[in-house]
Structures are given as structure tokens and as C-alpha cells.
PDB file of N, CA and C in Angstrom:
ATOM      1  N   MET A   1       0.843  -1.164   0.000  1.00  0.00           N
ATOM      2  CA  MET A   1       0.000   0.000   0.000  1.00  0.00           C
ATOM      3  C   MET A   1       0.895   1.237   0.000  1.00  0.00           C
ATOM      4  N   LYS A   2       0.488   2.220  -0.782  1.00  0.00           N
ATOM      5  CA  LYS A   2       1.208   3.482  -0.843  1.00  0.00           C
ATOM      6  C   LYS A   2       0.741   4.370   0.308  1.00  0.00           C
ATOM      7  N   VAL A   3       1.684   4.837   1.117  1.00  0.00           N
ATOM      8  CA  VAL A   3       1.359   5.654   2.271  1.00  0.00           C
ATOM      9  C   VAL A   3       2.071   7.000   2.154  1.00  0.00           C
ATOM     10  N   GLN A   4       1.296   8.074   2.281  1.00  0.00           N
ATOM     11  CA  GLN A   4       1.856   9.419   2.315  1.00  0.00           C
ATOM     12  C   GLN A   4       1.843   9.875   3.770  1.00  0.00           C
ATOM     13  N   THR A   5       2.994  10.352   4.244  1.00  0.00           N
ATOM     14  CA  THR A   5       3.104  10.765   5.638  1.00  0.00           C
ATOM     15  C   THR A   5       3.481  12.237   5.705  1.00  0.00           C
ATOM     16  N   GLN A   6       2.766  12.969   6.549  1.00  0.00           N
ATOM     17  CA  GLN A   6       3.060  14.372   6.804  1.00  0.00           C
ATOM     18  C   GLN A   6       3.300  14.553   8.289  1.00  0.00           C
ATOM     19  N   SER A   7       4.343  15.288   8.620  1.00  0.00           N
ATOM     20  CA  SER A   7       4.573  15.627  10.018  1.00  0.00           C
ATOM     21  C   SER A   7       4.477  17.141  10.148  1.00  0.00           C
ATOM     22  N   VAL A   8       3.638  17.595  11.058  1.00  0.00           N
ATOM     23  CA  VAL A   8       3.336  19.010  11.214  1.00  0.00           C
ATOM     24  C   VAL A   8       4.262  19.613  12.264  1.00  0.00           C
ATOM     25  N   HIS A   9       5.053  20.599  11.882  1.00  0.00           N
ATOM     26  CA  HIS A   9       5.942  21.367  12.748  1.00  0.00           C
ATOM     27  C   HIS A   9       7.085  20.560  13.351  1.00  0.00           C
ATOM     28  N   PHE A  10       7.464  19.447  12.745  1.00  0.00           N
ATOM     29  CA  PHE A  10       8.660  18.713  13.158  1.00  0.00           C
ATOM     30  C   PHE A  10       9.028  17.753  12.033  1.00  0.00           C
ATOM     31  N   ASN A  11      10.226  17.204  12.094  1.00  0.00           N
ATOM     32  CA  ASN A  11      10.681  16.231  11.105  1.00  0.00           C
ATOM     33  C   ASN A  11      10.663  14.850  11.740  1.00  0.00           C
ATOM     34  N   ALA A  12       9.923  13.949  11.130  1.00  0.00           N
ATOM     35  CA  ALA A  12       9.837  12.581  11.640  1.00  0.00           C
ATOM     36  C   ALA A  12      11.052  11.797  11.174  1.00  0.00           C
ATOM     37  N   ASP A  13      11.608  10.987  12.058  1.00  0.00           N
ATOM     38  CA  ASP A  13      12.767  10.192  11.670  1.00  0.00           C
ATOM     39  C   ASP A  13      12.328   8.964  10.875  1.00  0.00           C
ATOM     40  N   GLN A  14      13.272   8.356  10.189  1.00  0.00           N
ATOM     41  CA  GLN A  14      12.974   7.238   9.291  1.00  0.00           C
ATOM     42  C   GLN A  14      12.462   6.020  10.049  1.00  0.00           C
ATOM     43  N   LYS A  15      12.928   5.833  11.279  1.00  0.00           N
ATOM     44  CA  LYS A  15      12.484   4.693  12.079  1.00  0.00           C
ATOM     45  C   LYS A  15      10.977   4.767  12.339  1.00  0.00           C
ATOM     46  N   LEU A  16      10.476   5.968  12.654  1.00  0.00           N
ATOM     47  CA  LEU A  16       9.046   6.158  12.891  1.00  0.00           C
ATOM     48  C   LEU A  16       8.260   5.929  11.600  1.00  0.00           C
ATOM     49  N   LEU A  17       8.751   6.448  10.490  1.00  0.00           N
ATOM     50  CA  LEU A  17       8.064   6.271   9.215  1.00  0.00           C
ATOM     51  C   LEU A  17       8.005   4.804   8.812  1.00  0.00           C
ATOM     52  N   ASP A  18       9.103   4.069   9.030  1.00  0.00           N
ATOM     53  CA  ASP A  18       9.121   2.636   8.721  1.00  0.00           C
ATOM     54  C   ASP A  18       8.140   1.865   9.610  1.00  0.00           C
ATOM     55  N   PHE A  19       8.066   2.252  10.889  1.00  0.00           N
ATOM     56  CA  PHE A  19       7.126   1.601  11.811  1.00  0.00           C
ATOM     57  C   PHE A  19       5.693   1.789  11.337  1.00  0.00           C
ATOM     58  N   ILE A  20       5.340   3.011  10.948  1.00  0.00           N
ATOM     59  CA  ILE A  20       3.976   3.289  10.496  1.00  0.00           C
ATOM     60  C   ILE A  20       3.675   2.547   9.205  1.00  0.00           C
ATOM     61  N   GLN A  21       4.633   2.519   8.273  1.00  0.00           N
ATOM     62  CA  GLN A  21       4.439   1.803   7.010  1.00  0.00           C
ATOM     63  C   GLN A  21       4.208   0.312   7.270  1.00  0.00           C
ATOM     64  N   LYS A  22       5.009  -0.264   8.146  1.00  0.00           N
ATOM     65  CA  LYS A  22       4.878  -1.690   8.467  1.00  0.00           C
ATOM     66  C   LYS A  22       3.524  -1.979   9.122  1.00  0.00           C
ATOM     67  N   ARG A  23       3.097  -1.096  10.015  1.00  0.00           N
ATOM     68  CA  ARG A  23       1.819  -1.283  10.717  1.00  0.00           C
ATOM     69  C   ARG A  23       0.639  -1.190   9.757  1.00  0.00           C
ATOM     70  N   LEU A  24       0.708  -0.252   8.798  1.00  0.00           N
ATOM     71  CA  LEU A  24      -0.389  -0.108   7.847  1.00  0.00           C
ATOM     72  C   LEU A  24      -0.385  -1.208   6.791  1.00  0.00           C
ATOM     73  N   ASP A  25       0.788  -1.756   6.481  1.00  0.00           N
ATOM     74  CA  ASP A  25       0.834  -2.869   5.534  1.00  0.00           C
ATOM     75  C   ASP A  25       0.100  -4.086   6.076  1.00  0.00           C
ATOM     76  N   LYS A  26       0.031  -4.229   7.393  1.00  0.00           N
ATOM     77  CA  LYS A  26      -0.691  -5.356   7.994  1.00  0.00           C
ATOM     78  C   LYS A  26      -2.195  -5.266   7.755  1.00  0.00           C
ATOM     79  N   LEU A  27      -2.694  -4.055   7.478  1.00  0.00           N
ATOM     80  CA  LEU A  27      -4.131  -3.896   7.226  1.00  0.00           C
ATOM     81  C   LEU A  27      -4.552  -4.606   5.940  1.00  0.00           C
ATOM     82  N   GLU A  28      -3.618  -4.773   5.014  1.00  0.00           N
ATOM     83  CA  GLU A  28      -3.958  -5.440   3.759  1.00  0.00           C
ATOM     84  C   GLU A  28      -4.250  -6.923   3.944  1.00  0.00           C
ATOM     85  N   THR A  29      -3.861  -7.498   5.079  1.00  0.00           N
ATOM     86  CA  THR A  29      -4.190  -8.905   5.311  1.00  0.00           C
ATOM     87  C   THR A  29      -5.682  -9.079   5.597  1.00  0.00           C
ATOM     88  N   PHE A  30      -6.343  -8.004   6.052  1.00  0.00           N
ATOM     89  CA  PHE A  30      -7.768  -8.084   6.357  1.00  0.00           C
ATOM     90  C   PHE A  30      -8.637  -7.749   5.154  1.00  0.00           C
ATOM     91  N   TYR A  31      -8.136  -6.881   4.274  1.00  0.00           N
ATOM     92  CA  TYR A  31      -8.896  -6.507   3.080  1.00  0.00           C
ATOM     93  C   TYR A  31      -7.882  -6.096   2.025  1.00  0.00           C
ATOM     94  N   ASP A  32      -7.797  -6.876   0.946  1.00  0.00           N
ATOM     95  CA  ASP A  32      -6.728  -6.672  -0.026  1.00  0.00           C
ATOM     96  C   ASP A  32      -6.991  -5.547  -1.018  1.00  0.00           C
ATOM     97  N   ARG A  33      -8.130  -4.881  -0.942  1.00  0.00           N
ATOM     98  CA  ARG A  33      -8.440  -3.818  -1.894  1.00  0.00           C
ATOM     99  C   ARG A  33      -8.161  -2.421  -1.337  1.00  0.00           C
ATOM    100  N   VAL A  34      -7.366  -2.333  -0.293  1.00  0.00           N
ATOM    101  CA  VAL A  34      -6.962  -1.039   0.245  1.00  0.00           C
ATOM    102  C   VAL A  34      -6.011  -0.404  -0.774  1.00  0.00           C
ATOM    103  N   THR A  35      -6.336   0.817  -1.230  1.00  0.00           N
ATOM    104  CA  THR A  35      -5.546   1.424  -2.296  1.00  0.00           C
ATOM    105  C   THR A  35      -4.415   2.293  -1.781  1.00  0.00           C
ATOM    106  N   GLU A  36      -4.693   3.187  -0.846  1.00  0.00           N
ATOM    107  CA  GLU A  36      -3.640   4.063  -0.340  1.00  0.00           C
ATOM    108  C   GLU A  36      -4.001   4.563   1.044  1.00  0.00           C
ATOM    109  N   GLY A  37      -3.011   5.143   1.705  1.00  0.00           N
ATOM    110  CA  GLY A  37      -3.224   5.682   3.035  1.00  0.00           C
ATOM    111  C   GLY A  37      -2.548   7.032   3.180  1.00  0.00           C
ATOM    112  N   GLU A  38      -3.115   7.855   4.056  1.00  0.00           N
ATOM    113  CA  GLU A  38      -2.539   9.153   4.383  1.00  0.00           C
ATOM    114  C   GLU A  38      -2.383   9.225   5.890  1.00  0.00           C
ATOM    115  N   VAL A  39      -1.205   9.641   6.341  1.00  0.00           N
ATOM    116  CA  VAL A  39      -0.915   9.722   7.766  1.00  0.00           C
ATOM    117  C   VAL A  39      -0.474  11.143   8.084  1.00  0.00           C
ATOM    118  N   ILE A  40      -1.058  11.713   9.135  1.00  0.00           N
ATOM    119  CA  ILE A  40      -0.654  13.034   9.604  1.00  0.00           C
ATOM    120  C   ILE A  40      -0.202  12.889  11.057  1.00  0.00           C
ATOM    121  N   LEU A  41       1.037  13.279  11.321  1.00  0.00           N
ATOM    122  CA  LEU A  41       1.606  13.247  12.662  1.00  0.00           C
ATOM    123  C   LEU A  41       1.628  14.676  13.184  1.00  0.00           C
ATOM    124  N   ARG A  42       1.101  14.873  14.375  1.00  0.00           N
ATOM    125  CA  ARG A  42       0.954  16.232  14.891  1.00  0.00           C
ATOM    126  C   ARG A  42       1.286  16.268  16.383  1.00  0.00           C
ATOM    127  N   LEU A  43       2.024  17.306  16.788  1.00  0.00           N
ATOM    128  CA  LEU A  43       2.273  17.575  18.205  1.00  0.00           C
ATOM    129  C   LEU A  43       1.213  18.543  18.701  1.00  0.00           C
ATOM    130  N   ASN A  44       0.561  18.207  19.787  1.00  0.00           N
ATOM    131  CA  ASN A  44      -0.479  19.063  20.363  1.00  0.00           C
ATOM    132  C   ASN A  44       0.123  19.964  21.430  1.00  0.00           C
ATOM    133  N   ASN A  45      -0.556  21.038  21.703  1.00  0.00           N
ATOM    134  CA  ASN A  45      -0.144  21.936  22.775  1.00  0.00           C
ATOM    135  C   ASN A  45      -0.891  21.650  24.066  1.00  0.00           C
ATOM    136  N   LYS A  46      -1.535  20.495  24.136  1.00  0.00           N
ATOM    137  CA  LYS A  46      -2.279  20.126  25.335  1.00  0.00           C
ATOM    138  C   LYS A  46      -1.332  19.831  26.491  1.00  0.00           C
ATOM    139  N   ASP A  47      -1.798  20.123  27.691  1.00  0.00           N
ATOM    140  CA  ASP A  47      -1.054  19.716  28.875  1.00  0.00           C
ATOM    141  C   ASP A  47      -1.312  18.235  29.100  1.00  0.00           C
ATOM    142  N   GLY A  48      -0.324  17.551  29.596  1.00  0.00           N
ATOM    143  CA  GLY A  48      -0.514  16.141  29.905  1.00  0.00           C
ATOM    144  C   GLY A  48       0.397  15.260  29.092  1.00  0.00           C
ATOM    145  N   ILE A  49       0.180  13.973  29.258  1.00  0.00           N
ATOM    146  CA  ILE A  49       1.066  12.988  28.644  1.00  0.00           C
ATOM    147  C   ILE A  49       0.729  12.754  27.178  1.00  0.00           C
ATOM    148  N   SER A  50      -0.540  12.669  26.840  1.00  0.00           N
ATOM    149  CA  SER A  50      -0.927  12.319  25.468  1.00  0.00           C
ATOM    150  C   SER A  50      -0.987  13.569  24.597  1.00  0.00           C
ATOM    151  N   ASN A  51       0.181  14.048  24.201  1.00  0.00           N
ATOM    152  CA  ASN A  51       0.238  15.257  23.398  1.00  0.00           C
ATOM    153  C   ASN A  51       0.648  14.980  21.954  1.00  0.00           C
ATOM    154  N   LYS A  52       0.640  13.735  21.535  1.00  0.00           N
ATOM    155  CA  LYS A  52       0.992  13.376  20.163  1.00  0.00           C
ATOM    156  C   LYS A  52      -0.226  12.750  19.488  1.00  0.00           C
ATOM    157  N   THR A  53      -0.564  13.260  18.305  1.00  0.00           N
ATOM    158  CA  THR A  53      -1.750  12.815  17.589  1.00  0.00           C
ATOM    159  C   THR A  53      -1.346  12.188  16.263  1.00  0.00           C
ATOM    160  N   VAL A  54      -1.975  11.062  15.950  1.00  0.00           N
ATOM    161  CA  VAL A  54      -1.809  10.405  14.655  1.00  0.00           C
ATOM    162  C   VAL A  54      -3.181  10.308  14.009  1.00  0.00           C
ATOM    163  N   GLU A  55      -3.293  10.836  12.793  1.00  0.00           N
ATOM    164  CA  GLU A  55      -4.522  10.735  12.010  1.00  0.00           C
ATOM    165  C   GLU A  55      -4.216   9.879  10.786  1.00  0.00           C
ATOM    166  N   ILE A  56      -5.040   8.880  10.545  1.00  0.00           N
ATOM    167  CA  ILE A  56      -4.828   7.977   9.413  1.00  0.00           C
ATOM    168  C   ILE A  56      -6.101   7.896   8.595  1.00  0.00           C
ATOM    169  N   LYS A  57      -5.976   8.125   7.290  1.00  0.00           N
ATOM    170  CA  LYS A  57      -7.060   7.911   6.335  1.00  0.00           C
ATOM    171  C   LYS A  57      -6.652   6.756   5.435  1.00  0.00           C
ATOM    172  N   VAL A  58      -7.560   5.829   5.237  1.00  0.00           N
ATOM    173  CA  VAL A  58      -7.322   4.689   4.357  1.00  0.00           C
ATOM    174  C   VAL A  58      -8.403   4.698   3.292  1.00  0.00           C
ATOM    175  N   HIS A  59      -7.984   4.652   2.043  1.00  0.00           N
ATOM    176  CA  HIS A  59      -8.923   4.673   0.931  1.00  0.00           C
ATOM    177  C   HIS A  59      -9.178   3.245   0.444  1.00  0.00           C
ATOM    178  N   VAL A  60     -10.450   2.881   0.428  1.00  0.00           N
ATOM    179  CA  VAL A  60     -10.888   1.609  -0.134  1.00  0.00           C
ATOM    180  C   VAL A  60     -11.935   1.942  -1.192  1.00  0.00           C
ATOM    181  N   PRO A  61     -12.168   1.058  -2.145  1.00  0.00           N
ATOM    182  CA  PRO A  61     -13.157   1.360  -3.181  1.00  0.00           C
ATOM    183  C   PRO A  61     -14.528   1.662  -2.571  1.00  0.00           C
ATOM    184  N   GLY A  62     -15.027   2.849  -2.833  1.00  0.00           N
ATOM    185  CA  GLY A  62     -16.351   3.216  -2.366  1.00  0.00           C
ATOM    186  C   GLY A  62     -16.381   4.103  -1.142  1.00  0.00           C
ATOM    187  N   THR A  63     -15.297   4.148  -0.370  1.00  0.00           N
ATOM    188  CA  THR A  63     -15.319   4.966   0.848  1.00  0.00           C
ATOM    189  C   THR A  63     -13.908   5.253   1.337  1.00  0.00           C
ATOM    190  N   THR A  64     -13.840   6.111   2.323  1.00  0.00           N
ATOM    191  CA  THR A  64     -12.591   6.427   3.008  1.00  0.00           C
ATOM    192  C   THR A  64     -12.799   6.180   4.493  1.00  0.00           C
ATOM    193  N   LEU A  65     -11.899   5.426   5.094  1.00  0.00           N
ATOM    194  CA  LEU A  65     -11.969   5.128   6.517  1.00  0.00           C
ATOM    195  C   LEU A  65     -10.970   6.012   7.250  1.00  0.00           C
ATOM    196  N   PHE A  66     -11.337   6.482   8.448  1.00  0.00           N
ATOM    197  CA  PHE A  66     -10.524   7.449   9.178  1.00  0.00           C
ATOM    198  C   PHE A  66     -10.405   7.056  10.638  1.00  0.00           C
ATOM    199  N   ALA A  67      -9.208   7.268  11.195  1.00  0.00           N
ATOM    200  CA  ALA A  67      -8.991   7.053  12.622  1.00  0.00           C
ATOM    201  C   ALA A  67      -8.030   8.111  13.131  1.00  0.00           C
ATOM    202  N   GLN A  68      -8.306   8.608  14.341  1.00  0.00           N
ATOM    203  CA  GLN A  68      -7.447   9.598  14.986  1.00  0.00           C
ATOM    204  C   GLN A  68      -7.242   9.180  16.426  1.00  0.00           C
ATOM    205  N   GLU A  69      -5.996   9.155  16.862  1.00  0.00           N
ATOM    206  CA  GLU A  69      -5.690   8.749  18.235  1.00  0.00           C
ATOM    207  C   GLU A  69      -4.639   9.660  18.843  1.00  0.00           C
ATOM    208  N   ASP A  70      -4.753   9.902  20.143  1.00  0.00           N
ATOM    209  CA  ASP A  70      -3.769  10.646  20.925  1.00  0.00           C
ATOM    210  C   ASP A  70      -3.082   9.677  21.874  1.00  0.00           C
ATOM    211  N   ALA A  71      -1.768   9.879  22.060  1.00  0.00           N
ATOM    212  CA  ALA A  71      -1.018   9.038  22.994  1.00  0.00           C
ATOM    213  C   ALA A  71       0.260   9.765  23.394  1.00  0.00           C
ATOM    214  N   GLY A  72       1.022   9.135  24.270  1.00  0.00           N
ATOM    215  CA  GLY A  72       2.276   9.706  24.735  1.00  0.00           C
ATOM    216  C   GLY A  72       3.388   9.597  23.717  1.00  0.00           C
ATOM    217  N   THR A  73       3.311   8.584  22.840  1.00  0.00           N
ATOM    218  CA  THR A  73       4.299   8.421  21.777  1.00  0.00           C
ATOM    219  C   THR A  73       3.569   8.234  20.455  1.00  0.00           C
ATOM    220  N   PHE A  74       4.266   8.534  19.376  1.00  0.00           N
ATOM    221  CA  PHE A  74       3.664   8.352  18.065  1.00  0.00           C
ATOM    222  C   PHE A  74       3.439   6.877  17.760  1.00  0.00           C
ATOM    223  N   GLU A  75       4.301   6.013  18.271  1.00  0.00           N
ATOM    224  CA  GLU A  75       4.143   4.581  18.027  1.00  0.00           C
ATOM    225  C   GLU A  75       2.861   4.048  18.669  1.00  0.00           C
ATOM    226  N   ALA A  76       2.598   4.470  19.901  1.00  0.00           N
ATOM    227  CA  ALA A  76       1.395   4.017  20.597  1.00  0.00           C
ATOM    228  C   ALA A  76       0.140   4.563  19.914  1.00  0.00           C
ATOM    229  N   ALA A  77       0.195   5.815  19.478  1.00  0.00           N
ATOM    230  CA  ALA A  77      -0.953   6.395  18.786  1.00  0.00           C
ATOM    231  C   ALA A  77      -1.183   5.702  17.447  1.00  0.00           C
ATOM    232  N   ALA A  78      -0.103   5.384  16.734  1.00  0.00           N
ATOM    233  CA  ALA A  78      -0.239   4.689  15.454  1.00  0.00           C
ATOM    234  C   ALA A  78      -0.804   3.287  15.649  1.00  0.00           C
ATOM    235  N   ASP A  79      -0.377   2.592  16.705  1.00  0.00           N
ATOM    236  CA  ASP A  79      -0.931   1.268  17.013  1.00  0.00           C
ATOM    237  C   ASP A  79      -2.426   1.339  17.278  1.00  0.00           C
ATOM    238  N   ALA A  80      -2.838   2.301  18.084  1.00  0.00           N
ATOM    239  CA  ALA A  80      -4.260   2.431  18.425  1.00  0.00           C
ATOM    240  C   ALA A  80      -5.085   2.792  17.190  1.00  0.00           C
ATOM    241  N   ALA A  81      -4.571   3.687  16.360  1.00  0.00           N
ATOM    242  CA  ALA A  81      -5.295   4.068  15.149  1.00  0.00           C
ATOM    243  C   ALA A  81      -5.377   2.903  14.175  1.00  0.00           C
ATOM    244  N   ALA A  82      -4.305   2.135  14.052  1.00  0.00           N
ATOM    245  CA  ALA A  82      -4.314   0.979  13.155  1.00  0.00           C
ATOM    246  C   ALA A  82      -5.291  -0.082  13.645  1.00  0.00           C
ATOM    247  N   ASP A  83      -5.382  -0.280  14.953  1.00  0.00           N
ATOM    248  CA  ASP A  83      -6.360  -1.226  15.500  1.00  0.00           C
ATOM    249  C   ASP A  83      -7.786  -0.768  15.202  1.00  0.00           C
ATOM    250  N   SER A  84      -8.028   0.517  15.329  1.00  0.00           N
ATOM    251  CA  SER A  84      -9.344   1.059  15.009  1.00  0.00           C
ATOM    252  C   SER A  84      -9.669   0.857  13.530  1.00  0.00           C
ATOM    253  N   LEU A  85      -8.691   1.092  12.675  1.00  0.00           N
ATOM    254  CA  LEU A  85      -8.906   0.884  11.238  1.00  0.00           C
ATOM    255  C   LEU A  85      -9.113  -0.588  10.909  1.00  0.00           C
ATOM    256  N   LYS A  86      -8.450  -1.468  11.641  1.00  0.00           N
ATOM    257  CA  LYS A  86      -8.646  -2.907  11.416  1.00  0.00           C
ATOM    258  C   LYS A  86     -10.097  -3.283  11.666  1.00  0.00           C
ATOM    259  N   ARG A  87     -10.663  -2.766  12.749  1.00  0.00           N
ATOM    260  CA  ARG A  87     -12.074  -3.043  13.045  1.00  0.00           C
ATOM    261  C   ARG A  87     -12.981  -2.444  11.970  1.00  0.00           C
ATOM    262  N   GLN A  88     -12.675  -1.224  11.535  1.00  0.00           N
ATOM    263  CA  GLN A  88     -13.492  -0.589  10.502  1.00  0.00           C
ATOM    264  C   GLN A  88     -13.421  -1.359   9.188  1.00  0.00           C
ATOM    265  N   ILE A  89     -12.234  -1.831   8.830  1.00  0.00           N
ATOM    266  CA  ILE A  89     -12.062  -2.568   7.577  1.00  0.00           C
ATOM    267  C   ILE A  89     -12.816  -3.883   7.620  1.00  0.00           C
ATOM    268  N   THR A  90     -12.737  -4.610   8.739  1.00  0.00           N
ATOM    269  CA  THR A  90     -13.460  -5.884   8.814  1.00  0.00           C
ATOM    270  C   THR A  90     -14.965  -5.662   8.773  1.00  0.00           C
ATOM    271  N   ARG A  91     -15.445  -4.588   9.423  1.00  0.00           N
ATOM    272  CA  ARG A  91     -16.876  -4.264   9.356  1.00  0.00           C
ATOM    273  C   ARG A  91     -17.288  -3.910   7.929  1.00  0.00           C
ATOM    274  N   TYR A  92     -16.470  -3.112   7.256  1.00  0.00           N
ATOM    275  CA  TYR A  92     -16.759  -2.705   5.884  1.00  0.00           C
ATOM    276  C   TYR A  92     -16.758  -3.922   4.951  1.00  0.00           C
ATOM    277  N   LYS A  93     -15.800  -4.808   5.130  1.00  0.00           N
ATOM    278  CA  LYS A  93     -15.706  -6.007   4.294  1.00  0.00           C
ATOM    279  C   LYS A  93     -16.915  -6.910   4.508  1.00  0.00           C
ATOM    280  N   ASP A  94     -17.318  -7.094   5.759  1.00  0.00           N
ATOM    281  CA  ASP A  94     -18.491  -7.924   6.058  1.00  0.00           C
ATOM    282  C   ASP A  94     -19.747  -7.311   5.433  1.00  0.00           C
ATOM    283  N   LYS A  95     -19.836  -6.007   5.478  1.00  0.00           N
ATOM    284  CA  LYS A  95     -20.987  -5.309   4.897  1.00  0.00           C
ATOM    285  C   LYS A  95     -21.019  -5.484   3.376  1.00  0.00           C
ATOM    286  N   MET A  96     -19.856  -5.425   2.734  1.00  0.00           N
ATOM    287  CA  MET A  96     -19.781  -5.586   1.287  1.00  0.00           C
ATOM    288  C   MET A  96     -20.112  -7.024   0.874  1.00  0.00           C
ATOM    289  N   VAL A  97     -19.654  -7.980   1.657  1.00  0.00           N
ATOM    290  CA  VAL A  97     -19.917  -9.392   1.340  1.00  0.00           C
ATOM    291  C   VAL A  97     -21.388  -9.714   1.510  1.00  0.00           C
ATOM    292  N   SER A  98     -22.049  -9.117   2.507  1.00  0.00           N
ATOM    293  CA  SER A  98     -23.458  -9.427   2.752  1.00  0.00           C
ATOM    294  C   SER A  98     -24.364  -8.829   1.681  1.00  0.00           C
ATOM    295  N   HIS A  99     -23.920  -7.776   1.011  1.00  0.00           N
ATOM    296  CA  HIS A  99     -24.732  -7.180  -0.042  1.00  0.00           C
ATOM    297  C   HIS A  99     -24.457  -7.878  -1.296  1.00  0.00           C
TER     298      HIS A  99
END
């Protein structure tokens, strides 16, 4: 899957980008018609531990699935968002098969 990554107001290192790419590639095991993904990494000005936000859009034929998560690290936020997208993809696939 082709993934476009944007980091807002900072430069993401290659290790983080590789982690996100690997995590999103696992989504194709649940539904092989995923065409592309967009990832936005953002630092929040919120007080507290969870000041890092990951937004992920995944394009599948007919719709776009979206997940946004806040966490203390970008890796944890990406994991949570990918898990949310996994549930959305399986629901979408089941809905398509039933029709």
C-alpha cells in the first residue's frame, strides 16, 4: 500500500516512518483492496502525557476510513489508530460481502 506521511511542525525520523508503514501494511491482510493511506503526525499543545496525535485515512473502493488517536508516543498512537482501522475494515468487508 502506498502511504503518504506528513509531520506538522517537526521532522519525523525514518524509524518512525518505517514503523507506520509496516503497521499499515498489515491492514492489507484483512482486506486486499486497500488502495492508499494518508498519515498526519501532529504535536499538540495540550497539557498532559498524550500530546501526540496520529490521524490515518485509508482509501478503499467506495469509501474512506478514518482514525485519529492521541497518545504519549507516536508509536502508541499509530498502534491504536491501526487497531481502530482494522475493526473498521473488517466491518466494511463484512458489509460488502453481505450485499
